[in-house]
Amino acid sequence: MAFRVIDSETGKIIMDAGDIISLIAVIEELGDKYVVKQLDIH
């Protein structure tokens, strides 16, 4: 499972996270200005 973190104001991709631990680390740094999308990678 992979996740994409997107800036909620600009719509720019902040980063792609390959696992939940990386995702949590990024979210803790960003505060509340982001959107997380789950990527469906085959």
C-alpha atoms as a PDB file:
ATOM      1  CA  MET A   1       0.000   0.000   0.000  1.00  0.00           C
ATOM      2  CA  ALA A   2       1.266   3.466  -0.810  1.00  0.00           C
ATOM      3  CA  PHE A   3       0.071   6.928   0.091  1.00  0.00           C
ATOM      4  CA  ARG A   4       0.435  10.328  -1.538  1.00  0.00           C
ATOM      5  CA  VAL A   5       0.538  13.417   0.667  1.00  0.00           C
ATOM      6  CA  ILE A   6      -0.823  16.516  -1.088  1.00  0.00           C
ATOM      7  CA  ASP A   7      -0.710  20.159   0.049  1.00  0.00           C
ATOM      8  CA  SER A   8      -4.348  21.102   0.629  1.00  0.00           C
ATOM      9  CA  GLU A   9      -3.810  24.743  -0.390  1.00  0.00           C
ATOM     10  CA  THR A  10      -1.747  24.360  -3.579  1.00  0.00           C
ATOM     11  CA  GLY A  11      -2.624  20.812  -4.630  1.00  0.00           C
ATOM     12  CA  LYS A  12       1.075  20.020  -5.081  1.00  0.00           C
ATOM     13  CA  ILE A  13       2.380  16.592  -4.148  1.00  0.00           C
ATOM     14  CA  ILE A  14       4.448  16.828  -0.976  1.00  0.00           C
ATOM     15  CA  MET A  15       5.649  13.237  -1.049  1.00  0.00           C
ATOM     16  CA  ASP A  16       4.741   9.633  -1.659  1.00  0.00           C
ATOM     17  CA  ALA A  17       4.975   7.348   1.365  1.00  0.00           C
ATOM     18  CA  GLY A  18       5.459   3.633   0.842  1.00  0.00           C
ATOM     19  CA  ASP A  19       4.374   2.601   4.319  1.00  0.00           C
ATOM     20  CA  ILE A  20       2.220   3.824   7.171  1.00  0.00           C
ATOM     21  CA  ILE A  21       5.194   4.689   9.412  1.00  0.00           C
ATOM     22  CA  SER A  22       6.632   7.087   6.826  1.00  0.00           C
ATOM     23  CA  LEU A  23       3.174   8.565   6.345  1.00  0.00           C
ATOM     24  CA  ILE A  24       2.712   9.208  10.071  1.00  0.00           C
ATOM     25  CA  ALA A  25       6.134  10.883  10.313  1.00  0.00           C
ATOM     26  CA  VAL A  26       5.239  13.290   7.493  1.00  0.00           C
ATOM     27  CA  ILE A  27       1.789  14.050   8.913  1.00  0.00           C
ATOM     28  CA  GLU A  28       3.268  14.933  12.302  1.00  0.00           C
ATOM     29  CA  GLU A  29       5.568  17.488  10.641  1.00  0.00           C
ATOM     30  CA  LEU A  30       2.902  19.096   8.440  1.00  0.00           C
ATOM     31  CA  GLY A  31       0.183  19.909  10.932  1.00  0.00           C
ATOM     32  CA  ASP A  32      -3.201  20.173   9.193  1.00  0.00           C
ATOM     33  CA  LYS A  33      -2.408  21.519   5.711  1.00  0.00           C
ATOM     34  CA  TYR A  34      -2.431  18.268   3.787  1.00  0.00           C
ATOM     35  CA  VAL A  35      -4.616  15.647   2.146  1.00  0.00           C
ATOM     36  CA  VAL A  36      -3.653  11.971   2.032  1.00  0.00           C
ATOM     37  CA  LYS A  37      -4.655   9.835  -0.945  1.00  0.00           C
ATOM     38  CA  GLN A  38      -4.252   6.071  -1.001  1.00  0.00           C
ATOM     39  CA  LEU A  39      -2.601   4.959  -4.234  1.00  0.00           C
ATOM     40  CA  ASP A  40      -3.758   1.812  -5.971  1.00  0.00           C
ATOM     41  CA  ILE A  41      -0.491   0.386  -7.302  1.00  0.00           C
ATOM     42  CA  HIS A  42      -0.463  -2.932  -9.107  1.00  0.00           C
END
